[in-house]
Protein backbone atom coordinates (compact mmCIF):
# COMPACT_ATOMS: atom_id res chain seq x y z
CA MET A 1 87.73 109.73 101.46
CA LEU A 2 91.58 110.99 101.92
CA ALA A 3 90.70 114.55 101.42
CA ARG A 4 87.72 114.28 104.18
CA VAL A 5 90.25 112.88 106.59
CA ILE A 6 92.75 115.22 105.93
CA GLY A 7 90.36 118.06 106.00
CA ALA A 8 89.25 117.14 109.60
CA ALA A 9 92.46 118.13 111.01
CA HIS A 10 94.03 120.92 108.23
CA ASP A 11 92.79 123.95 106.27
CA LEU A 12 92.46 121.93 102.96
CA SER A 13 91.33 122.55 99.31
CA TRP A 14 91.46 119.59 96.98
CA CYS A 15 90.95 118.84 93.25
CA ASP A 16 89.42 115.62 91.81
CA ALA A 17 91.27 115.65 88.42
CA ARG A 18 90.60 112.11 87.43
CA SER A 19 88.48 110.69 84.61
CA ALA A 20 87.04 106.95 84.23
CA GLY A 21 88.73 105.44 81.32
CA ALA A 22 91.70 107.63 80.96
CA THR A 23 94.94 106.61 80.11
CA THR A 24 98.29 107.50 81.29
CA TYR A 25 98.53 109.73 77.76
CA ASP A 26 95.37 111.46 78.97
CA VAL A 27 96.39 112.02 82.42
CA ARG A 28 99.85 113.65 81.17
CA ARG A 29 98.10 115.66 78.37
CA VAL A 30 94.84 116.90 80.41
CA GLN A 31 94.63 115.83 84.11
CA LEU A 32 98.43 116.60 84.68
CA ARG A 33 97.72 120.40 83.73
CA VAL A 34 94.70 120.48 86.05
CA ALA A 35 96.85 119.29 88.82
CA VAL A 36 99.39 121.54 88.45
CA ALA A 37 97.47 124.52 88.39
CA GLN A 38 96.43 123.64 92.04
CA ARG A 39 99.89 123.75 93.36
CA PRO A 40 99.40 120.81 94.94
CA HIS A 41 101.07 119.59 98.14
CA LEU A 42 99.80 115.80 98.07
CA VAL A 43 98.64 114.01 94.79
CA CYS A 44 97.59 110.65 94.34
CA LEU A 45 98.82 109.24 91.16
CA ALA A 46 96.93 106.36 89.82
CA ALA A 47 96.71 105.82 86.24
CA GLY A 48 97.51 102.59 83.98
CA LEU A 49 94.81 100.40 83.83
CA ALA A 50 92.86 101.85 80.82
CA ASP A 51 96.30 101.20 79.11
CA VAL A 52 96.59 97.64 80.04
CA ARG A 53 92.98 96.65 78.81
CA ASP A 54 94.16 98.27 75.37
CA PRO A 55 94.89 95.29 73.13
CA GLN A 56 98.06 97.50 71.28
CA TRP A 57 99.31 98.26 75.00
CA ASP A 58 102.75 99.88 74.88
CA PHE A 59 104.31 99.59 77.93
CA ALA A 60 107.26 102.15 76.97
CA ALA A 61 104.77 104.67 76.46
CA THR A 62 103.03 104.07 79.53
CA ARG A 63 106.01 104.17 81.21
CA ALA A 64 107.06 107.37 79.88
CA HIS A 65 103.92 108.81 80.81
CA LEU A 66 103.69 108.00 84.10
CA LEU A 67 107.45 109.06 84.71
CA HIS A 68 106.55 112.61 83.10
CA CYS A 69 103.77 113.06 85.64
CA ALA A 70 105.80 112.16 88.37
CA ARG A 71 108.68 114.10 87.60
CA VAL A 72 106.55 117.25 87.09
CA LEU A 73 104.55 117.00 90.24
CA SER A 74 107.79 116.01 92.30
CA ARG A 75 109.80 119.16 90.88
CA ARG A 76 107.02 121.10 91.71
CA GLY A 77 106.89 119.90 95.36
CA ALA A 78 104.21 117.42 95.44
CA VAL A 79 104.43 114.60 97.62
CA LEU A 80 102.93 111.20 95.65
CA LEU A 81 100.85 108.93 97.09
CA THR A 82 100.75 105.65 94.86
CA THR A 83 99.58 102.29 94.97
CA ARG A 84 99.99 98.91 93.16
CA PRO A 85 97.17 99.35 90.85
CA GLY A 86 96.67 95.53 90.06
CA ALA A 87 97.00 94.53 93.52
CA GLY A 88 93.97 91.96 94.21
CA ARG A 89 93.11 91.69 90.72
CA ARG A 90 94.65 88.39 89.87
CA GLY A 91 91.66 86.52 90.86
CA GLN A 92 88.50 88.39 89.44
CA ALA A 93 86.58 87.20 86.81
CA GLY A 94 86.78 88.19 83.05
CA SER A 95 89.56 89.27 80.94
CA TRP A 96 91.88 89.68 84.16
CA ARG A 97 92.39 86.03 83.75
CA SER A 98 94.16 85.88 81.00
CA ALA A 99 98.00 85.42 81.08
CA SER A 100 98.61 88.45 78.92
CA ARG A 101 96.72 90.69 81.04
CA ARG A 102 98.23 89.13 84.18
CA LEU A 103 101.52 90.09 82.76
CA ARG A 104 100.56 93.40 81.92
CA ILE A 105 99.24 93.86 85.79
CA ARG A 106 102.45 92.50 87.13
CA GLN A 107 104.35 94.98 84.76
CA LEU A 108 102.27 98.03 85.76
CA ASP A 109 102.83 97.13 89.37
CA GLY A 110 106.61 96.98 88.85
CA LEU A 111 106.09 100.42 87.24
CA TYR A 112 104.71 101.87 90.61
CA ASP A 113 107.15 100.42 92.59
CA GLU A 114 109.69 102.26 90.21
CA LEU A 115 107.87 105.34 90.52
CA HIS A 116 108.42 104.59 94.29
CA GLU A 117 112.18 104.19 94.06
CA ARG A 118 112.71 107.06 91.87
CA PHE A 119 110.58 109.81 93.56
CA GLY A 120 110.22 108.60 97.15
CA THR A 121 106.19 108.28 96.49
CA ILE A 122 104.44 107.46 99.74
CA HIS A 123 103.78 103.70 98.00
CA LEU A 124 101.01 101.03 99.43
CA ASP A 125 101.35 97.69 98.12
CA PRO A 126 98.45 96.21 99.32
CA GLY A 127 100.01 92.63 98.60
CA ASP A 128 97.71 89.78 97.64
CA THR A 129 94.54 90.15 99.10
CA GLY A 130 93.56 86.62 98.04
CA GLY A 131 91.75 88.00 95.04
CA ALA A 132 89.62 90.89 96.56
CA ARG A 133 90.76 94.13 95.74
CA PRO A 134 91.06 96.54 98.90
CA SER A 135 88.02 98.66 99.34
CA ALA A 136 88.39 102.69 99.13
CA ALA A 137 88.23 102.48 102.96
CA GLU A 138 90.91 99.95 103.26
CA LEU A 139 93.34 102.01 101.29
CA THR A 140 92.17 105.25 102.65
CA GLY A 141 93.10 103.72 106.33
CA ARG A 142 96.39 102.64 105.08
CA PHE A 143 97.22 106.03 103.36
CA VAL A 144 96.13 107.84 106.84
CA HIS A 145 98.59 105.42 108.55
CA GLU A 146 101.45 106.35 106.23
CA LEU A 147 100.67 109.78 106.06
CA THR A 148 100.79 109.84 110.00
CA ARG A 149 104.21 108.06 109.83
CA HIS A 150 105.57 110.64 107.51
CA GLY A 151 104.72 113.49 109.86
CA LEU A 152 101.36 114.55 108.93
CA GLU A 153 99.22 114.88 111.90
CA LEU A 154 95.82 113.44 111.35
CA PRO A 155 93.10 112.75 113.76
CA VAL A 156 91.93 109.48 114.33
CA VAL A 157 88.97 109.47 112.42
CA SER A 158 86.58 106.59 111.63
CA LEU A 159 86.50 105.59 107.82
CA ALA A 160 82.75 104.57 107.91
CA ARG A 161 81.98 108.56 108.67
CA THR A 162 83.85 109.77 105.69
CA SER A 163 82.20 107.21 103.23
């Protein structure tokens, strides 16, 4: 959705390198290479939830992989868009209710805060949404607002048209 909004005002090529269920190791090993080859100006860096779900989760490894990806992309001039991936998940049913998973989610959210501090990402903290994860359209709207605040000229576009 974000690519469509930006593409309405700018000549844009984009690449979707994501893969369902990818861990931060997968992102570092495979997806980073794909992204770097595109010579991106803007990258949505979102990974870590698959790591958190792993019973053998290694926070230090997840942190090292994400820091490496952010460092490589930043050094190549890409602006990074990040968000706290755990926002809104605290009240969901299923395995997210366990205390250990909630702790892991908070640690992952903190890691994205660290990426923002270290690399100057355009970072959204959707906040506690009462248990409801923000929709893709809502996050897109927030990123459009932030990109506009950071100087990218974008038209006012109805997100209903881009979905």
